Amino acid sequence: MSQDTDGAEFARLLRELKDRSGHSYGTLSKRLHMSTSTLHRYCNGDAVPTDYAPVERLARLCKASPEELVEEAEKLGLHALA
């Protein structure tokens, strides 16, 4: 898979989690201690987190399964976590 395709797939996974949570970007960003615009950029694929911590916090807040956590780590290229 190309890097662009991986980035789009990663953003899709984050959007799915966000949508499933039923929370707004503003509500989630406050709980995640990040700006609303940063979270929005991650979910739209305009930016990719430089580490796994914010992704893991979002996933856990949105009640992601362990399998989804592994999938997200793999999309970020963090295979050691998988």
C-alpha atoms as a PDB file:
ATOM      1  CA  MET A   1       0.000   0.000   0.000  1.00  0.00           C
ATOM      2  CA  SER A   2       1.302   3.482  -0.766  1.00  0.00           C
ATOM      3  CA  GLN A   3       1.956   6.058   1.940  1.00  0.00           C
ATOM      4  CA  ASP A   4      -0.962   8.201   0.683  1.00  0.00           C
ATOM      5  CA  THR A   5      -3.303   5.211   0.789  1.00  0.00           C
ATOM      6  CA  ASP A   6      -2.096   4.292   4.276  1.00  0.00           C
ATOM      7  CA  GLY A   7      -2.671   7.863   5.454  1.00  0.00           C
ATOM      8  CA  ALA A   8      -6.188   7.918   4.028  1.00  0.00           C
ATOM      9  CA  GLU A   9      -6.974   4.561   5.618  1.00  0.00           C
ATOM     10  CA  PHE A  10      -5.596   5.729   8.960  1.00  0.00           C
ATOM     11  CA  ALA A  11      -7.741   8.873   8.822  1.00  0.00           C
ATOM     12  CA  ARG A  12     -10.770   6.731   7.960  1.00  0.00           C
ATOM     13  CA  LEU A  13     -10.145   4.586  11.042  1.00  0.00           C
ATOM     14  CA  LEU A  14      -9.931   7.670  13.243  1.00  0.00           C
ATOM     15  CA  ARG A  15     -13.132   9.126  11.730  1.00  0.00           C
ATOM     16  CA  GLU A  16     -14.933   5.848  12.357  1.00  0.00           C
ATOM     17  CA  LEU A  17     -13.909   5.947  16.002  1.00  0.00           C
ATOM     18  CA  LYS A  18     -14.917   9.597  16.324  1.00  0.00           C
ATOM     19  CA  ASP A  19     -18.283   9.037  14.645  1.00  0.00           C
ATOM     20  CA  ARG A  20     -18.976   5.928  16.691  1.00  0.00           C
ATOM     21  CA  SER A  21     -18.320   7.825  19.918  1.00  0.00           C
ATOM     22  CA  GLY A  22     -21.177  10.232  19.194  1.00  0.00           C
ATOM     23  CA  HIS A  23     -19.037  13.107  20.525  1.00  0.00           C
ATOM     24  CA  SER A  24     -18.130  16.308  18.723  1.00  0.00           C
ATOM     25  CA  TYR A  25     -14.549  17.208  17.847  1.00  0.00           C
ATOM     26  CA  GLY A  26     -14.695  19.842  20.581  1.00  0.00           C
ATOM     27  CA  THR A  27     -15.800  17.400  23.280  1.00  0.00           C
ATOM     28  CA  LEU A  28     -13.228  14.791  22.294  1.00  0.00           C
ATOM     29  CA  SER A  29     -10.403  17.303  22.017  1.00  0.00           C
ATOM     30  CA  LYS A  30     -11.055  18.573  25.544  1.00  0.00           C
ATOM     31  CA  ARG A  31     -10.975  15.032  26.904  1.00  0.00           C
ATOM     32  CA  LEU A  32      -7.814  14.297  24.913  1.00  0.00           C
ATOM     33  CA  HIS A  33      -6.081  17.557  25.940  1.00  0.00           C
ATOM     34  CA  MET A  34      -5.423  18.596  22.350  1.00  0.00           C
ATOM     35  CA  SER A  35      -6.795  21.324  20.144  1.00  0.00           C
ATOM     36  CA  THR A  36      -9.969  20.740  18.181  1.00  0.00           C
ATOM     37  CA  SER A  37      -8.195  21.651  14.953  1.00  0.00           C
ATOM     38  CA  THR A  38      -5.438  19.081  15.579  1.00  0.00           C
ATOM     39  CA  LEU A  39      -7.968  16.312  16.146  1.00  0.00           C
ATOM     40  CA  HIS A  40      -9.889  17.396  13.041  1.00  0.00           C
ATOM     41  CA  ARG A  41      -6.675  17.339  10.952  1.00  0.00           C
ATOM     42  CA  TYR A  42      -5.890  13.809  12.160  1.00  0.00           C
ATOM     43  CA  CYS A  43      -9.397  12.590  11.288  1.00  0.00           C
ATOM     44  CA  ASN A  44      -9.317  14.222   7.854  1.00  0.00           C
ATOM     45  CA  GLY A  45      -5.858  12.974   6.977  1.00  0.00           C
ATOM     46  CA  ASP A  46      -4.404  16.485   6.784  1.00  0.00           C
ATOM     47  CA  ALA A  47      -1.912  15.573   9.527  1.00  0.00           C
ATOM     48  CA  VAL A  48      -0.581  12.355  11.027  1.00  0.00           C
ATOM     49  CA  PRO A  49       0.387  12.107  14.699  1.00  0.00           C
ATOM     50  CA  THR A  50       4.109  11.772  15.302  1.00  0.00           C
ATOM     51  CA  ASP A  51       3.586   9.271  18.106  1.00  0.00           C
ATOM     52  CA  TYR A  52       0.992   6.734  19.168  1.00  0.00           C
ATOM     53  CA  ALA A  53      -0.108   8.303  22.482  1.00  0.00           C
ATOM     54  CA  PRO A  54      -2.834  10.623  21.119  1.00  0.00           C
ATOM     55  CA  VAL A  55      -4.152   7.868  18.869  1.00  0.00           C
ATOM     56  CA  GLU A  56      -4.308   5.416  21.736  1.00  0.00           C
ATOM     57  CA  ARG A  57      -6.103   7.953  23.958  1.00  0.00           C
ATOM     58  CA  LEU A  58      -8.663   8.636  21.225  1.00  0.00           C
ATOM     59  CA  ALA A  59      -9.177   4.935  20.580  1.00  0.00           C
ATOM     60  CA  ARG A  60      -9.665   4.143  24.250  1.00  0.00           C
ATOM     61  CA  LEU A  61     -12.007   7.093  24.754  1.00  0.00           C
ATOM     62  CA  CYS A  62     -14.059   5.831  21.796  1.00  0.00           C
ATOM     63  CA  LYS A  63     -14.021   2.279  23.199  1.00  0.00           C
ATOM     64  CA  ALA A  64     -11.942   0.730  20.432  1.00  0.00           C
ATOM     65  CA  SER A  65     -11.354  -2.996  20.572  1.00  0.00           C
ATOM     66  CA  PRO A  66      -7.824  -4.344  21.116  1.00  0.00           C
ATOM     67  CA  GLU A  67      -7.829  -5.395  17.459  1.00  0.00           C
ATOM     68  CA  GLU A  68      -8.609  -1.829  16.373  1.00  0.00           C
ATOM     69  CA  LEU A  69      -5.728  -0.536  18.521  1.00  0.00           C
ATOM     70  CA  VAL A  70      -3.344  -2.935  16.773  1.00  0.00           C
ATOM     71  CA  GLU A  71      -4.691  -1.959  13.348  1.00  0.00           C
ATOM     72  CA  GLU A  72      -4.134   1.729  14.097  1.00  0.00           C
ATOM     73  CA  ALA A  73      -0.613   1.079  15.348  1.00  0.00           C
ATOM     74  CA  GLU A  74       0.169  -0.820  12.150  1.00  0.00           C
ATOM     75  CA  LYS A  75      -1.179   2.024  10.011  1.00  0.00           C
ATOM     76  CA  LEU A  76       1.170   4.397  11.828  1.00  0.00           C
ATOM     77  CA  GLY A  77       4.039   2.016  11.160  1.00  0.00           C
ATOM     78  CA  LEU A  78       4.372   1.078  14.811  1.00  0.00           C
ATOM     79  CA  HIS A  79       4.589  -2.647  14.216  1.00  0.00           C
ATOM     80  CA  ALA A  80       6.408  -3.197  17.522  1.00  0.00           C
ATOM     81  CA  LEU A  81       3.148  -2.379  19.314  1.00  0.00           C
ATOM     82  CA  ALA A  82       1.152  -4.824  17.249  1.00  0.00           C
END
